[in-house]
């Protein structure tokens, strides 16, 4: 499976950005897709994820109420709409796929920069 992330860029505090991630190749039997960003000394932290069949979502506490994850099953694409952005949201954002045994397939990452 290949994951291609789009979107990102630079925005001022309080602004909005949208990310998308399209999967190709083995595009069946997803359990869930998610977005991650680096955490100091901890690898990558989950930002948000969504189950592929039921659409259940989960969010990091730091982004609840500001970020929204959604999906398009037909396009094998997951989206992350980010609003009320803060400088601490600045990071490279990675999308990933879990087939049921954890997140093992990763996209290349896309930079989000929030300036104060």
C-alpha atoms as a PDB file:
ATOM      1  CA  UNK A   1       0.000   0.000   0.000  1.00  0.00           C
ATOM      2  CA  UNK A   2       1.152   3.549  -0.726  1.00  0.00           C
ATOM      3  CA  UNK A   3       0.002   6.653   1.110  1.00  0.00           C
ATOM      4  CA  UNK A   4       0.237  10.112  -0.426  1.00  0.00           C
ATOM      5  CA  UNK A   5      -0.415  13.104   1.798  1.00  0.00           C
ATOM      6  CA  UNK A   6      -1.509  16.486   0.482  1.00  0.00           C
ATOM      7  CA  UNK A   7      -2.168  19.861   1.983  1.00  0.00           C
ATOM      8  CA  UNK A   8      -0.322  21.499   4.799  1.00  0.00           C
ATOM      9  CA  UNK A   9       1.496  24.783   4.522  1.00  0.00           C
ATOM     10  CA  UNK A  10       1.853  27.907   6.607  1.00  0.00           C
ATOM     11  CA  UNK A  11      -0.831  29.809   8.457  1.00  0.00           C
ATOM     12  CA  UNK A  12      -1.108  32.321  11.252  1.00  0.00           C
ATOM     13  CA  UNK A  13      -2.425  31.509  14.706  1.00  0.00           C
ATOM     14  CA  UNK A  14      -6.152  30.982  14.599  1.00  0.00           C
ATOM     15  CA  UNK A  15      -6.148  29.986  10.958  1.00  0.00           C
ATOM     16  CA  UNK A  16      -7.271  26.788   9.276  1.00  0.00           C
ATOM     17  CA  UNK A  17      -5.683  24.161   7.061  1.00  0.00           C
ATOM     18  CA  UNK A  18      -6.807  20.896   5.550  1.00  0.00           C
ATOM     19  CA  UNK A  19      -4.836  17.723   4.960  1.00  0.00           C
ATOM     20  CA  UNK A  20      -5.727  14.726   2.861  1.00  0.00           C
ATOM     21  CA  UNK A  21      -4.142  11.326   2.473  1.00  0.00           C
ATOM     22  CA  UNK A  22      -4.932   8.963  -0.374  1.00  0.00           C
ATOM     23  CA  UNK A  23      -4.188   5.254  -0.219  1.00  0.00           C
ATOM     24  CA  UNK A  24      -3.404   3.126  -3.243  1.00  0.00           C
ATOM     25  CA  UNK A  25      -2.394  -0.475  -3.738  1.00  0.00           C
ATOM     26  CA  UNK A  26      -3.874  -2.740  -1.083  1.00  0.00           C
ATOM     27  CA  UNK A  27      -6.968  -0.658  -0.433  1.00  0.00           C
ATOM     28  CA  UNK A  28      -9.175  -3.232   1.204  1.00  0.00           C
ATOM     29  CA  UNK A  29      -9.580  -4.469   4.755  1.00  0.00           C
ATOM     30  CA  UNK A  30      -8.472  -1.252   6.378  1.00  0.00           C
ATOM     31  CA  UNK A  31      -9.332  -1.214  10.027  1.00  0.00           C
ATOM     32  CA  UNK A  32      -8.572   2.456  10.488  1.00  0.00           C
ATOM     33  CA  UNK A  33      -6.534   5.367   9.215  1.00  0.00           C
ATOM     34  CA  UNK A  34      -4.975   8.058  11.315  1.00  0.00           C
ATOM     35  CA  UNK A  35      -2.905  11.193  11.460  1.00  0.00           C
ATOM     36  CA  UNK A  36       0.165  11.487  13.647  1.00  0.00           C
ATOM     37  CA  UNK A  37       2.761  14.096  14.488  1.00  0.00           C
ATOM     38  CA  UNK A  38       6.106  13.815  16.271  1.00  0.00           C
ATOM     39  CA  UNK A  39       6.243  14.067  20.052  1.00  0.00           C
ATOM     40  CA  UNK A  40       9.582  14.958  21.685  1.00  0.00           C
ATOM     41  CA  UNK A  41      11.263  11.806  22.856  1.00  0.00           C
ATOM     42  CA  UNK A  42       8.180   9.702  22.126  1.00  0.00           C
ATOM     43  CA  UNK A  43       8.192   9.016  18.425  1.00  0.00           C
ATOM     44  CA  UNK A  44       4.855   9.958  16.926  1.00  0.00           C
ATOM     45  CA  UNK A  45       1.683  10.820  18.775  1.00  0.00           C
ATOM     46  CA  UNK A  46      -1.771  10.096  17.461  1.00  0.00           C
ATOM     47  CA  UNK A  47      -3.585  13.266  16.433  1.00  0.00           C
ATOM     48  CA  UNK A  48      -6.803  11.652  15.224  1.00  0.00           C
ATOM     49  CA  UNK A  49      -7.983   8.437  13.665  1.00  0.00           C
ATOM     50  CA  UNK A  50     -11.110   6.953  12.167  1.00  0.00           C
ATOM     51  CA  UNK A  51     -12.329   3.416  11.678  1.00  0.00           C
ATOM     52  CA  UNK A  52     -12.932   2.582   8.076  1.00  0.00           C
ATOM     53  CA  UNK A  53     -16.223   0.712   8.334  1.00  0.00           C
ATOM     54  CA  UNK A  54     -18.034   2.411  11.201  1.00  0.00           C
ATOM     55  CA  UNK A  55     -16.439   5.835  11.075  1.00  0.00           C
ATOM     56  CA  UNK A  56     -15.688   5.968  14.794  1.00  0.00           C
ATOM     57  CA  UNK A  57     -13.231   8.704  15.581  1.00  0.00           C
ATOM     58  CA  UNK A  58     -10.730   9.467  18.299  1.00  0.00           C
ATOM     59  CA  UNK A  59      -8.703  12.597  18.952  1.00  0.00           C
ATOM     60  CA  UNK A  60      -5.782  13.704  21.039  1.00  0.00           C
ATOM     61  CA  UNK A  61      -6.962  15.900  23.887  1.00  0.00           C
ATOM     62  CA  UNK A  62      -4.882  18.765  22.523  1.00  0.00           C
ATOM     63  CA  UNK A  63      -6.876  18.925  19.272  1.00  0.00           C
ATOM     64  CA  UNK A  64     -10.402  18.049  20.393  1.00  0.00           C
ATOM     65  CA  UNK A  65     -12.875  20.635  19.220  1.00  0.00           C
ATOM     66  CA  UNK A  66     -10.402  22.092  16.728  1.00  0.00           C
ATOM     67  CA  UNK A  67      -9.572  19.224  14.359  1.00  0.00           C
ATOM     68  CA  UNK A  68     -11.986  17.019  12.455  1.00  0.00           C
ATOM     69  CA  UNK A  69     -11.073  13.749  10.776  1.00  0.00           C
ATOM     70  CA  UNK A  70     -13.227  12.340   8.016  1.00  0.00           C
ATOM     71  CA  UNK A  71     -12.985   9.818   5.214  1.00  0.00           C
ATOM     72  CA  UNK A  72     -14.124   8.980   1.733  1.00  0.00           C
ATOM     73  CA  UNK A  73     -14.296   5.219   1.369  1.00  0.00           C
ATOM     74  CA  UNK A  74     -14.765   5.346  -2.377  1.00  0.00           C
ATOM     75  CA  UNK A  75     -11.609   7.417  -2.786  1.00  0.00           C
ATOM     76  CA  UNK A  76      -9.655   5.584  -0.061  1.00  0.00           C
ATOM     77  CA  UNK A  77      -8.863   8.993   1.363  1.00  0.00           C
ATOM     78  CA  UNK A  78      -8.760  10.365   4.866  1.00  0.00           C
ATOM     79  CA  UNK A  79      -8.975  14.061   5.645  1.00  0.00           C
ATOM     80  CA  UNK A  80      -7.948  16.213   8.566  1.00  0.00           C
ATOM     81  CA  UNK A  81      -9.532  19.628   8.838  1.00  0.00           C
ATOM     82  CA  UNK A  82      -7.635  21.787  11.293  1.00  0.00           C
ATOM     83  CA  UNK A  83      -8.977  25.035  12.678  1.00  0.00           C
ATOM     84  CA  UNK A  84      -8.066  27.458  15.455  1.00  0.00           C
ATOM     85  CA  UNK A  85      -4.479  26.468  14.831  1.00  0.00           C
ATOM     86  CA  UNK A  86      -1.840  27.225  17.436  1.00  0.00           C
ATOM     87  CA  UNK A  87       1.951  27.498  17.142  1.00  0.00           C
ATOM     88  CA  UNK A  88       2.246  24.237  19.075  1.00  0.00           C
ATOM     89  CA  UNK A  89       0.439  22.492  16.210  1.00  0.00           C
ATOM     90  CA  UNK A  90       3.491  23.125  14.050  1.00  0.00           C
ATOM     91  CA  UNK A  91       4.816  19.730  12.979  1.00  0.00           C
ATOM     92  CA  UNK A  92       5.189  17.290  10.144  1.00  0.00           C
ATOM     93  CA  UNK A  93       1.908  15.389   9.960  1.00  0.00           C
ATOM     94  CA  UNK A  94       1.946  11.748   8.895  1.00  0.00           C
ATOM     95  CA  UNK A  95      -0.945   9.588   7.804  1.00  0.00           C
ATOM     96  CA  UNK A  96      -0.949   5.874   8.481  1.00  0.00           C
ATOM     97  CA  UNK A  97      -3.008   2.725   7.992  1.00  0.00           C
ATOM     98  CA  UNK A  98      -3.845   0.032  10.481  1.00  0.00           C
ATOM     99  CA  UNK A  99      -5.054  -3.301   9.103  1.00  0.00           C
ATOM    100  CA  UNK A 100      -5.876  -4.478  12.578  1.00  0.00           C
ATOM    101  CA  UNK A 101      -2.434  -5.122  14.018  1.00  0.00           C
ATOM    102  CA  UNK A 102      -1.311  -1.554  14.560  1.00  0.00           C
ATOM    103  CA  UNK A 103      -0.165   1.297  12.378  1.00  0.00           C
ATOM    104  CA  UNK A 104       2.545  -0.099  10.117  1.00  0.00           C
ATOM    105  CA  UNK A 105       2.116   1.745   6.821  1.00  0.00           C
ATOM    106  CA  UNK A 106       3.080   5.388   6.778  1.00  0.00           C
ATOM    107  CA  UNK A 107       2.911   8.263   4.341  1.00  0.00           C
ATOM    108  CA  UNK A 108       5.772  10.640   3.694  1.00  0.00           C
ATOM    109  CA  UNK A 109       4.546  13.467   5.907  1.00  0.00           C
ATOM    110  CA  UNK A 110       3.441  16.993   5.182  1.00  0.00           C
ATOM    111  CA  UNK A 111       4.589  20.132   6.984  1.00  0.00           C
ATOM    112  CA  UNK A 112       2.211  22.357   8.914  1.00  0.00           C
ATOM    113  CA  UNK A 113       3.618  25.627  10.240  1.00  0.00           C
ATOM    114  CA  UNK A 114       1.626  27.962  12.474  1.00  0.00           C
ATOM    115  CA  UNK A 115       3.149  31.357  13.148  1.00  0.00           C
ATOM    116  CA  UNK A 116       2.239  33.619  16.035  1.00  0.00           C
END
